[in-house]
Amino acid sequence: MSDDIPLSPPIYEDPDAALYRRPSPATEAIDVLKAAIERLKAAIDAGRQPGMPLSVLSNVAREAPLGSLALAFLLGVAIGRRSR
């Protein structure tokens, strides 16, 4: 007589089961939005490096806020008239 304990029969588990389960459309949409937000954050951070356009724009706005406001207003008026 042997002291080995008999093993239970193997239970079949599909190795490709993860491929069959798809995330819900809401989960996919959230993942896409998160990826887009991360890319946008990276682009903004890159633009804020010294000498880059966002850095220059923020420095100009800090030094001359009234002039920047007037320029933004005139730009808005020009774009608003063109869209009519």
Protein backbone atom coordinates (compact mmCIF):
# COMPACT_ATOMS: atom_id res chain seq x y z
CA MET A 1 0.00 0.00 0.00
CA SER A 2 1.27 3.45 -0.92
CA ASP A 3 1.28 6.58 1.27
CA ASP A 4 0.69 8.86 -1.75
CA ILE A 5 -2.57 10.76 -1.65
CA PRO A 6 -4.41 10.51 -4.95
CA LEU A 7 -4.78 13.87 -6.70
CA SER A 8 -8.15 15.15 -7.74
CA PRO A 9 -8.84 15.18 -11.45
CA PRO A 10 -7.57 18.34 -13.18
CA ILE A 11 -10.09 21.10 -13.69
CA TYR A 12 -9.96 22.52 -17.20
CA GLU A 13 -9.25 26.22 -17.33
CA ASP A 14 -9.19 27.89 -20.70
CA PRO A 15 -5.84 29.70 -21.08
CA ASP A 16 -7.48 32.15 -23.50
CA ALA A 17 -10.36 33.04 -21.17
CA ALA A 18 -9.02 36.58 -20.73
CA LEU A 19 -9.29 37.10 -24.49
CA TYR A 20 -12.99 36.29 -24.44
CA ARG A 21 -13.82 38.75 -21.66
CA ARG A 22 -14.06 42.24 -23.08
CA PRO A 23 -14.33 45.27 -20.83
CA SER A 24 -17.55 47.21 -20.95
CA PRO A 25 -17.82 50.12 -23.39
CA ALA A 26 -17.87 52.54 -20.45
CA THR A 27 -14.59 51.12 -19.15
CA GLU A 28 -13.03 51.38 -22.60
CA ALA A 29 -14.20 55.00 -22.92
CA ILE A 30 -12.76 55.87 -19.52
CA ASP A 31 -9.43 54.27 -20.44
CA VAL A 32 -9.31 56.24 -23.70
CA LEU A 33 -10.10 59.48 -21.85
CA LYS A 34 -7.41 58.80 -19.25
CA ALA A 35 -4.84 58.20 -22.00
CA ALA A 36 -5.86 61.41 -23.78
CA ILE A 37 -5.62 63.41 -20.56
CA GLU A 38 -2.14 62.03 -19.87
CA ARG A 39 -0.99 62.99 -23.39
CA LEU A 40 -2.47 66.47 -22.93
CA LYS A 41 -0.73 66.90 -19.58
CA ALA A 42 2.56 65.84 -21.14
CA ALA A 43 2.12 68.33 -23.99
CA ILE A 44 1.31 71.17 -21.58
CA ASP A 45 4.28 70.32 -19.38
CA ALA A 46 6.54 70.28 -22.44
CA GLY A 47 5.14 73.66 -23.54
CA ARG A 48 5.84 75.18 -20.13
CA GLN A 49 9.56 74.49 -20.27
CA PRO A 50 11.66 77.68 -20.32
CA GLY A 51 11.73 79.20 -23.78
CA MET A 52 8.71 77.25 -25.03
CA PRO A 53 5.53 79.03 -26.22
CA LEU A 54 3.42 78.56 -23.07
CA SER A 55 6.26 79.80 -20.90
CA VAL A 56 6.71 82.90 -23.07
CA LEU A 57 2.96 83.55 -23.15
CA SER A 58 2.62 83.29 -19.38
CA ASN A 59 5.60 85.63 -18.88
CA VAL A 60 4.10 88.22 -21.24
CA ALA A 61 0.72 87.99 -19.49
CA ARG A 62 2.42 88.36 -16.11
CA GLU A 63 4.38 91.42 -17.20
CA ALA A 64 1.59 93.20 -19.12
CA PRO A 65 -1.83 91.89 -18.02
CA LEU A 66 -3.85 94.77 -19.47
CA GLY A 67 -2.18 94.52 -22.87
CA SER A 68 -2.69 90.76 -22.90
CA LEU A 69 -6.36 91.21 -22.03
CA ALA A 70 -6.82 93.76 -24.84
CA LEU A 71 -5.11 91.46 -27.32
CA ALA A 72 -7.28 88.50 -26.25
CA PHE A 73 -10.41 90.65 -26.60
CA LEU A 74 -9.47 91.81 -30.11
CA LEU A 75 -8.65 88.27 -31.13
CA GLY A 76 -12.03 87.08 -29.82
CA VAL A 77 -13.84 89.84 -31.73
CA ALA A 78 -12.00 88.93 -34.94
CA ILE A 79 -12.83 85.24 -34.58
CA GLY A 80 -16.43 86.03 -33.63
CA ARG A 81 -16.99 88.16 -36.70
CA ARG A 82 -15.48 85.59 -39.01
CA SER A 83 -17.82 82.85 -37.76
CA ARG A 84 -20.97 84.84 -38.53
